[in-house]
Amino acid sequence: MTGFRHVVLITWIEGTTTAQVEEVAARLRDLPAVIPAIRDYSLGTNAGVNAGGADFAIVADFADRDAYATYRDDPVHRAVVDDMKPLIASRTAIQYEL
């Protein structure tokens, strides 16, 4: 596979509820139907097998950097990100060529 991958790891603030995480996840899962630049999209809550990891992960694949930038700057995506920000204690992201 060739393309471009975006990976995000999130730790929620203390007190974030399961319902809040489920709402975020539902909104994120809607993005591939709205943003055609997304080639593949997966996300999930940490299974808790190992201590000390992040709480939540998002992995998004794109055809190339330009497709990623289209996603990054899309107003629907930006609205989801802005609504998530108050729940986030820490966020780490990386992008790389596939």
C-alpha atoms as a PDB file:
ATOM      1  CA  MET A   1       0.000   0.000   0.000  1.00  0.00           C
ATOM      2  CA  THR A   2       1.198   3.474  -0.738  1.00  0.00           C
ATOM      3  CA  GLY A   3      -0.199   6.570   0.812  1.00  0.00           C
ATOM      4  CA  PHE A   4      -0.033   8.756   3.859  1.00  0.00           C
ATOM      5  CA  ARG A   5      -1.022   7.862   7.434  1.00  0.00           C
ATOM      6  CA  HIS A   6      -2.100  10.093  10.335  1.00  0.00           C
ATOM      7  CA  VAL A   7      -2.051   8.604  13.851  1.00  0.00           C
ATOM      8  CA  VAL A   8      -3.397  10.374  16.947  1.00  0.00           C
ATOM      9  CA  LEU A   9      -3.125   9.227  20.568  1.00  0.00           C
ATOM     10  CA  ILE A  10      -5.315  10.953  23.137  1.00  0.00           C
ATOM     11  CA  THR A  11      -5.455  10.924  26.920  1.00  0.00           C
ATOM     12  CA  TRP A  12      -8.745  12.243  28.282  1.00  0.00           C
ATOM     13  CA  ILE A  13      -8.962  14.627  31.229  1.00  0.00           C
ATOM     14  CA  GLU A  14      -9.931  13.107  34.540  1.00  0.00           C
ATOM     15  CA  GLY A  15     -13.681  12.797  34.814  1.00  0.00           C
ATOM     16  CA  THR A  16     -14.364  12.283  31.107  1.00  0.00           C
ATOM     17  CA  THR A  17     -17.327   9.919  30.955  1.00  0.00           C
ATOM     18  CA  THR A  18     -17.879   6.873  28.790  1.00  0.00           C
ATOM     19  CA  ALA A  19     -20.844   8.686  27.228  1.00  0.00           C
ATOM     20  CA  GLN A  20     -18.616  11.617  26.242  1.00  0.00           C
ATOM     21  CA  VAL A  21     -16.052   9.284  24.664  1.00  0.00           C
ATOM     22  CA  GLU A  22     -18.798   7.402  22.817  1.00  0.00           C
ATOM     23  CA  GLU A  23     -20.171  10.693  21.452  1.00  0.00           C
ATOM     24  CA  VAL A  24     -16.716  11.717  20.225  1.00  0.00           C
ATOM     25  CA  ALA A  25     -16.214   8.289  18.650  1.00  0.00           C
ATOM     26  CA  ALA A  26     -19.591   8.451  16.898  1.00  0.00           C
ATOM     27  CA  ARG A  27     -18.809  11.871  15.438  1.00  0.00           C
ATOM     28  CA  LEU A  28     -15.374  10.720  14.302  1.00  0.00           C
ATOM     29  CA  ARG A  29     -16.855   7.595  12.691  1.00  0.00           C
ATOM     30  CA  ASP A  30     -19.125   9.858  10.611  1.00  0.00           C
ATOM     31  CA  LEU A  31     -16.166  11.664   9.019  1.00  0.00           C
ATOM     32  CA  PRO A  32     -15.373   9.157   6.216  1.00  0.00           C
ATOM     33  CA  ALA A  33     -18.890   9.624   4.824  1.00  0.00           C
ATOM     34  CA  VAL A  34     -18.407  13.407   4.781  1.00  0.00           C
ATOM     35  CA  ILE A  35     -14.751  13.707   3.735  1.00  0.00           C
ATOM     36  CA  PRO A  36     -14.002  11.691   0.581  1.00  0.00           C
ATOM     37  CA  ALA A  37     -10.234  12.223   0.998  1.00  0.00           C
ATOM     38  CA  ILE A  38     -10.225   9.578   3.763  1.00  0.00           C
ATOM     39  CA  ARG A  39      -9.116   6.218   2.365  1.00  0.00           C
ATOM     40  CA  ASP A  40      -9.361   4.215   5.605  1.00  0.00           C
ATOM     41  CA  TYR A  41     -10.280   5.245   9.147  1.00  0.00           C
ATOM     42  CA  SER A  42     -10.170   3.401  12.442  1.00  0.00           C
ATOM     43  CA  LEU A  43     -10.403   4.437  16.050  1.00  0.00           C
ATOM     44  CA  GLY A  44     -10.834   2.904  19.442  1.00  0.00           C
ATOM     45  CA  THR A  45     -10.484   2.987  23.176  1.00  0.00           C
ATOM     46  CA  ASN A  46      -7.419   1.471  24.823  1.00  0.00           C
ATOM     47  CA  ALA A  47      -8.077  -2.189  25.673  1.00  0.00           C
ATOM     48  CA  GLY A  48      -6.071  -1.757  28.886  1.00  0.00           C
ATOM     49  CA  VAL A  49      -3.762  -4.723  28.306  1.00  0.00           C
ATOM     50  CA  ASN A  50      -0.677  -2.695  29.248  1.00  0.00           C
ATOM     51  CA  ALA A  51      -0.515   0.056  31.853  1.00  0.00           C
ATOM     52  CA  GLY A  52       0.478   3.587  30.970  1.00  0.00           C
ATOM     53  CA  GLY A  53      -0.829   3.950  27.446  1.00  0.00           C
ATOM     54  CA  ALA A  54      -3.044   6.578  25.899  1.00  0.00           C
ATOM     55  CA  ASP A  55      -6.818   6.321  26.278  1.00  0.00           C
ATOM     56  CA  PHE A  56      -7.902   6.593  22.656  1.00  0.00           C
ATOM     57  CA  ALA A  57      -6.404   6.231  19.167  1.00  0.00           C
ATOM     58  CA  ILE A  58      -7.312   7.404  15.681  1.00  0.00           C
ATOM     59  CA  VAL A  59      -5.626   6.065  12.537  1.00  0.00           C
ATOM     60  CA  ALA A  60      -6.477   7.634   9.189  1.00  0.00           C
ATOM     61  CA  ASP A  61      -5.064   6.734   5.785  1.00  0.00           C
ATOM     62  CA  PHE A  62      -4.999   8.962   2.720  1.00  0.00           C
ATOM     63  CA  ALA A  63      -3.772   8.737  -0.849  1.00  0.00           C
ATOM     64  CA  ASP A  64      -1.135  11.409  -0.236  1.00  0.00           C
ATOM     65  CA  ARG A  65      -0.191  14.482   1.801  1.00  0.00           C
ATOM     66  CA  ASP A  66      -2.621  16.682  -0.085  1.00  0.00           C
ATOM     67  CA  ALA A  67      -5.520  14.360   0.775  1.00  0.00           C
ATOM     68  CA  TYR A  68      -4.441  14.468   4.429  1.00  0.00           C
ATOM     69  CA  ALA A  69      -4.360  18.284   4.314  1.00  0.00           C
ATOM     70  CA  THR A  70      -7.877  18.282   2.854  1.00  0.00           C
ATOM     71  CA  TYR A  71      -9.038  16.200   5.846  1.00  0.00           C
ATOM     72  CA  ARG A  72      -7.058  18.247   8.356  1.00  0.00           C
ATOM     73  CA  ASP A  73      -8.569  21.507   7.167  1.00  0.00           C
ATOM     74  CA  ASP A  74     -12.114  20.288   6.477  1.00  0.00           C
ATOM     75  CA  PRO A  75     -14.620  22.367   8.488  1.00  0.00           C
ATOM     76  CA  VAL A  76     -16.578  19.305   9.644  1.00  0.00           C
ATOM     77  CA  HIS A  77     -13.371  17.707  10.955  1.00  0.00           C
ATOM     78  CA  ARG A  78     -12.293  20.979  12.569  1.00  0.00           C
ATOM     79  CA  ALA A  79     -15.654  21.231  14.372  1.00  0.00           C
ATOM     80  CA  VAL A  80     -15.239  17.745  15.844  1.00  0.00           C
ATOM     81  CA  VAL A  81     -11.684  18.550  16.937  1.00  0.00           C
ATOM     82  CA  ASP A  82     -12.744  21.841  18.515  1.00  0.00           C
ATOM     83  CA  ASP A  83     -15.527  20.107  20.445  1.00  0.00           C
ATOM     84  CA  MET A  84     -13.072  17.439  21.678  1.00  0.00           C
ATOM     85  CA  LYS A  85     -10.452  19.893  22.966  1.00  0.00           C
ATOM     86  CA  PRO A  86     -12.036  20.491  26.402  1.00  0.00           C
ATOM     87  CA  LEU A  87     -11.879  16.728  27.074  1.00  0.00           C
ATOM     88  CA  ILE A  88      -8.230  16.252  26.104  1.00  0.00           C
ATOM     89  CA  ALA A  89      -5.458  16.161  28.700  1.00  0.00           C
ATOM     90  CA  SER A  90      -2.821  15.293  26.093  1.00  0.00           C
ATOM     91  CA  ARG A  91      -2.635  14.610  22.385  1.00  0.00           C
ATOM     92  CA  THR A  92       0.202  13.246  20.308  1.00  0.00           C
ATOM     93  CA  ALA A  93       0.103  12.872  16.536  1.00  0.00           C
ATOM     94  CA  ILE A  94       2.370  11.649  13.775  1.00  0.00           C
ATOM     95  CA  GLN A  95       2.062  11.526  10.017  1.00  0.00           C
ATOM     96  CA  TYR A  96       4.151   9.324   7.745  1.00  0.00           C
ATOM     97  CA  GLU A  97       4.407   7.949   4.214  1.00  0.00           C
ATOM     98  CA  LEU A  98       3.220   4.404   3.696  1.00  0.00           C
END
